[in-house]
Structures are given as C-alpha cells and as structure tokens.
Amino acid sequence: MDKVLAAWSLKTINEALNIHKHLANTGRSWDDVELYLKATARNKTAFAAERLNCPECGAQLQLLPVNNSPATQTGDDSRSVWICRGCFYEQFSTKTVKEETTALSRSGRGIG
C-alpha cells in the first residue's frame, strides 16, 4: 500500500478518506464528484466567455453583484458592477449579474 499511496501526503489521504465517508453517508459516489467537477469547469468556461475587456487598460473585467449585503452597499440603485483588477476601472449597472450576462451573451460581445 505504501507504493500506491506514495504520491500523496498523509493529510491529503485523510482528506480523501473524509470525502469518501461523506459521499457514502449522503448516497453519493466519486462518479458524482467527477460529474460535478466537469459541470463546474464548463460553467466557468461559459462565464469567462461572457466577460468584457477594460476600456482603460484592456484587462478582463470582472462582474460582481452590489447592494445585496451590508458589505456591498453603494448608496445608489446599482445591482452589479464591472471591475478591472488591473486599473480599478468600475462601471456600475442597475441590472443584476444574471441580466448583465444574459444581455452580453445575446449581444455577442463576450470575449473568451
């Protein structure tokens, strides 16, 4: 067994064992985990394709919700914001994140 598990640390092996036990207790399997990971990767790829480039520096903009928690209050009726992590450009919108991504997908402006 040492040779089989040699590639992983004891911590990683224990984490895997904990995941395995949790999956068994919830009626799930490693196949379910694999399907979940594939779906998550597809969703992230689709979301990345629905991003815009910053008009100031050209970096990819990130779309985030605002005014949906005490920490994200802007003092106006904005519901989302496009943010550039490169130059700190911000473009606020009264549309939700879902509405923004839907409009962007329909317009064909998404950049992947």
C-alpha atoms as a PDB file:
ATOM      1  CA  MET A   1       0.000   0.000   0.000  1.00  0.00           C
ATOM      2  CA  ASP A   2       2.934   2.356   0.622  1.00  0.00           C
ATOM      3  CA  LYS A   3       3.829   2.340  -3.087  1.00  0.00           C
ATOM      4  CA  VAL A   4       0.233   3.002  -4.143  1.00  0.00           C
ATOM      5  CA  LEU A   5      -0.187   5.995  -1.816  1.00  0.00           C
ATOM      6  CA  ALA A   6       3.375   7.343  -2.011  1.00  0.00           C
ATOM      7  CA  ALA A   7       2.359  10.230  -4.290  1.00  0.00           C
ATOM      8  CA  TRP A   8       0.164  11.832  -1.612  1.00  0.00           C
ATOM      9  CA  SER A   9       0.789  13.196   1.863  1.00  0.00           C
ATOM     10  CA  LEU A  10      -0.974  11.679   4.863  1.00  0.00           C
ATOM     11  CA  LYS A  11      -3.030  14.868   5.147  1.00  0.00           C
ATOM     12  CA  THR A  12      -4.256  14.514   1.546  1.00  0.00           C
ATOM     13  CA  ILE A  13      -5.040  10.829   2.076  1.00  0.00           C
ATOM     14  CA  ASN A  14      -7.027  11.660   5.236  1.00  0.00           C
ATOM     15  CA  GLU A  15      -8.929  14.396   3.390  1.00  0.00           C
ATOM     16  CA  ALA A  16      -9.769  11.934   0.609  1.00  0.00           C
ATOM     17  CA  LEU A  17     -10.925   9.387   3.186  1.00  0.00           C
ATOM     18  CA  ASN A  18     -13.153  12.008   4.826  1.00  0.00           C
ATOM     19  CA  ILE A  19     -14.648  12.911   1.458  1.00  0.00           C
ATOM     20  CA  HIS A  20     -15.229   9.227   0.698  1.00  0.00           C
ATOM     21  CA  LYS A  21     -17.033   8.722   4.031  1.00  0.00           C
ATOM     22  CA  HIS A  22     -19.154  11.831   3.482  1.00  0.00           C
ATOM     23  CA  LEU A  23     -20.075  10.693  -0.030  1.00  0.00           C
ATOM     24  CA  ALA A  24     -21.092   7.290   1.312  1.00  0.00           C
ATOM     25  CA  ASN A  25     -23.187   8.880   4.071  1.00  0.00           C
ATOM     26  CA  THR A  26     -25.012  11.080   1.555  1.00  0.00           C
ATOM     27  CA  GLY A  27     -25.571   8.343  -1.031  1.00  0.00           C
ATOM     28  CA  ARG A  28     -23.090   9.842  -3.496  1.00  0.00           C
ATOM     29  CA  SER A  29     -20.051   8.410  -5.249  1.00  0.00           C
ATOM     30  CA  TRP A  30     -16.754   9.560  -6.745  1.00  0.00           C
ATOM     31  CA  ASP A  31     -18.505   9.427 -10.119  1.00  0.00           C
ATOM     32  CA  ASP A  32     -20.866  12.126  -8.827  1.00  0.00           C
ATOM     33  CA  VAL A  33     -17.851  14.225  -7.835  1.00  0.00           C
ATOM     34  CA  GLU A  34     -16.330  13.791 -11.290  1.00  0.00           C
ATOM     35  CA  LEU A  35     -19.588  14.838 -12.975  1.00  0.00           C
ATOM     36  CA  TYR A  36     -19.816  17.856 -10.661  1.00  0.00           C
ATOM     37  CA  LEU A  37     -16.250  18.928 -11.465  1.00  0.00           C
ATOM     38  CA  LYS A  38     -16.838  18.623 -15.212  1.00  0.00           C
ATOM     39  CA  ALA A  39     -20.054  20.681 -14.981  1.00  0.00           C
ATOM     40  CA  THR A  40     -18.307  23.302 -12.847  1.00  0.00           C
ATOM     41  CA  ALA A  41     -15.455  23.574 -15.354  1.00  0.00           C
ATOM     42  CA  ARG A  42     -17.961  24.022 -18.221  1.00  0.00           C
ATOM     43  CA  ASN A  43     -19.811  26.720 -16.280  1.00  0.00           C
ATOM     44  CA  LYS A  44     -16.589  28.596 -15.519  1.00  0.00           C
ATOM     45  CA  THR A  45     -15.593  28.421 -19.177  1.00  0.00           C
ATOM     46  CA  ALA A  46     -19.006  29.726 -20.228  1.00  0.00           C
ATOM     47  CA  PHE A  47     -18.817  32.535 -17.676  1.00  0.00           C
ATOM     48  CA  ALA A  48     -15.299  33.505 -18.773  1.00  0.00           C
ATOM     49  CA  ALA A  49     -16.575  33.770 -22.354  1.00  0.00           C
ATOM     50  CA  GLU A  50     -19.136  36.325 -21.149  1.00  0.00           C
ATOM     51  CA  ARG A  51     -16.599  38.843 -19.902  1.00  0.00           C
ATOM     52  CA  LEU A  52     -15.554  42.139 -21.367  1.00  0.00           C
ATOM     53  CA  ASN A  53     -12.184  43.825 -21.653  1.00  0.00           C
ATOM     54  CA  CYS A  54     -11.485  47.026 -19.726  1.00  0.00           C
ATOM     55  CA  PRO A  55     -11.814  50.143 -21.892  1.00  0.00           C
ATOM     56  CA  GLU A  56      -8.957  51.752 -19.920  1.00  0.00           C
ATOM     57  CA  CYS A  57      -6.232  49.080 -19.857  1.00  0.00           C
ATOM     58  CA  GLY A  58      -7.562  46.100 -21.832  1.00  0.00           C
ATOM     59  CA  ALA A  59      -7.554  43.602 -18.939  1.00  0.00           C
ATOM     60  CA  GLN A  60     -10.590  41.377 -18.420  1.00  0.00           C
ATOM     61  CA  LEU A  61     -13.386  42.940 -16.388  1.00  0.00           C
ATOM     62  CA  GLN A  62     -14.959  41.007 -13.527  1.00  0.00           C
ATOM     63  CA  LEU A  63     -18.714  41.222 -12.943  1.00  0.00           C
ATOM     64  CA  LEU A  64     -19.827  41.317  -9.306  1.00  0.00           C
ATOM     65  CA  PRO A  65     -23.150  41.869  -7.511  1.00  0.00           C
ATOM     66  CA  VAL A  66     -23.579  45.008  -5.372  1.00  0.00           C
ATOM     67  CA  ASN A  67     -26.170  46.255  -2.899  1.00  0.00           C
ATOM     68  CA  ASN A  68     -27.006  42.678  -1.941  1.00  0.00           C
ATOM     69  CA  SER A  69     -25.341  42.706   1.505  1.00  0.00           C
ATOM     70  CA  PRO A  70     -24.206  45.291   4.054  1.00  0.00           C
ATOM     71  CA  ALA A  71     -20.628  44.988   2.742  1.00  0.00           C
ATOM     72  CA  THR A  72     -21.535  45.810  -0.869  1.00  0.00           C
ATOM     73  CA  GLN A  73     -23.693  48.908  -0.419  1.00  0.00           C
ATOM     74  CA  THR A  74     -23.011  51.666  -2.960  1.00  0.00           C
ATOM     75  CA  GLY A  75     -25.596  54.244  -1.930  1.00  0.00           C
ATOM     76  CA  ASP A  76     -27.462  54.051  -5.228  1.00  0.00           C
ATOM     77  CA  ASP A  77     -29.730  51.602  -7.086  1.00  0.00           C
ATOM     78  CA  SER A  78     -26.880  49.650  -8.725  1.00  0.00           C
ATOM     79  CA  ARG A  79     -27.250  45.878  -8.719  1.00  0.00           C
ATOM     80  CA  SER A  80     -23.926  44.906 -10.320  1.00  0.00           C
ATOM     81  CA  VAL A  81     -20.534  46.356 -11.210  1.00  0.00           C
ATOM     82  CA  TRP A  82     -17.892  45.579 -13.823  1.00  0.00           C
ATOM     83  CA  ILE A  83     -14.483  45.927 -12.131  1.00  0.00           C
ATOM     84  CA  CYS A  84     -10.978  45.920 -13.595  1.00  0.00           C
ATOM     85  CA  ARG A  85      -8.402  44.438 -11.213  1.00  0.00           C
ATOM     86  CA  GLY A  86      -5.638  45.991 -13.327  1.00  0.00           C
ATOM     87  CA  CYS A  87      -6.508  49.708 -13.237  1.00  0.00           C
ATOM     88  CA  PHE A  88      -9.538  49.740 -10.865  1.00  0.00           C
ATOM     89  CA  TYR A  89     -11.954  50.917 -13.555  1.00  0.00           C
ATOM     90  CA  GLU A  90     -15.591  50.494 -12.417  1.00  0.00           C
ATOM     91  CA  GLN A  91     -18.838  50.509 -14.377  1.00  0.00           C
ATOM     92  CA  PHE A  92     -21.981  50.201 -12.230  1.00  0.00           C
ATOM     93  CA  SER A  93     -25.259  48.847 -13.604  1.00  0.00           C
ATOM     94  CA  THR A  94     -28.860  48.660 -12.438  1.00  0.00           C
ATOM     95  CA  LYS A  95     -29.029  45.171 -13.988  1.00  0.00           C
ATOM     96  CA  THR A  96     -28.366  42.053 -11.914  1.00  0.00           C
ATOM     97  CA  VAL A  97     -25.349  39.875 -12.694  1.00  0.00           C
ATOM     98  CA  LYS A  98     -27.673  37.409 -14.427  1.00  0.00           C
ATOM     99  CA  GLU A  99     -29.277  40.163 -16.504  1.00  0.00           C
ATOM    100  CA  GLU A 100     -25.848  41.533 -17.477  1.00  0.00           C
ATOM    101  CA  THR A 101     -24.506  38.131 -18.558  1.00  0.00           C
ATOM    102  CA  THR A 102     -27.708  37.339 -20.466  1.00  0.00           C
ATOM    103  CA  ALA A 103     -27.543  40.677 -22.292  1.00  0.00           C
ATOM    104  CA  LEU A 104     -23.853  40.161 -23.029  1.00  0.00           C
ATOM    105  CA  SER A 105     -24.445  36.652 -24.391  1.00  0.00           C
ATOM    106  CA  ARG A 106     -27.235  37.885 -26.637  1.00  0.00           C
ATOM    107  CA  SER A 107     -25.156  40.781 -27.946  1.00  0.00           C
ATOM    108  CA  GLY A 108     -22.266  38.519 -28.932  1.00  0.00           C
ATOM    109  CA  ARG A 109     -19.806  40.846 -27.151  1.00  0.00           C
ATOM    110  CA  GLY A 110     -18.438  38.126 -24.882  1.00  0.00           C
ATOM    111  CA  ILE A 111     -14.706  37.652 -25.095  1.00  0.00           C
ATOM    112  CA  GLY A 112     -13.201  34.284 -24.205  1.00  0.00           C
END
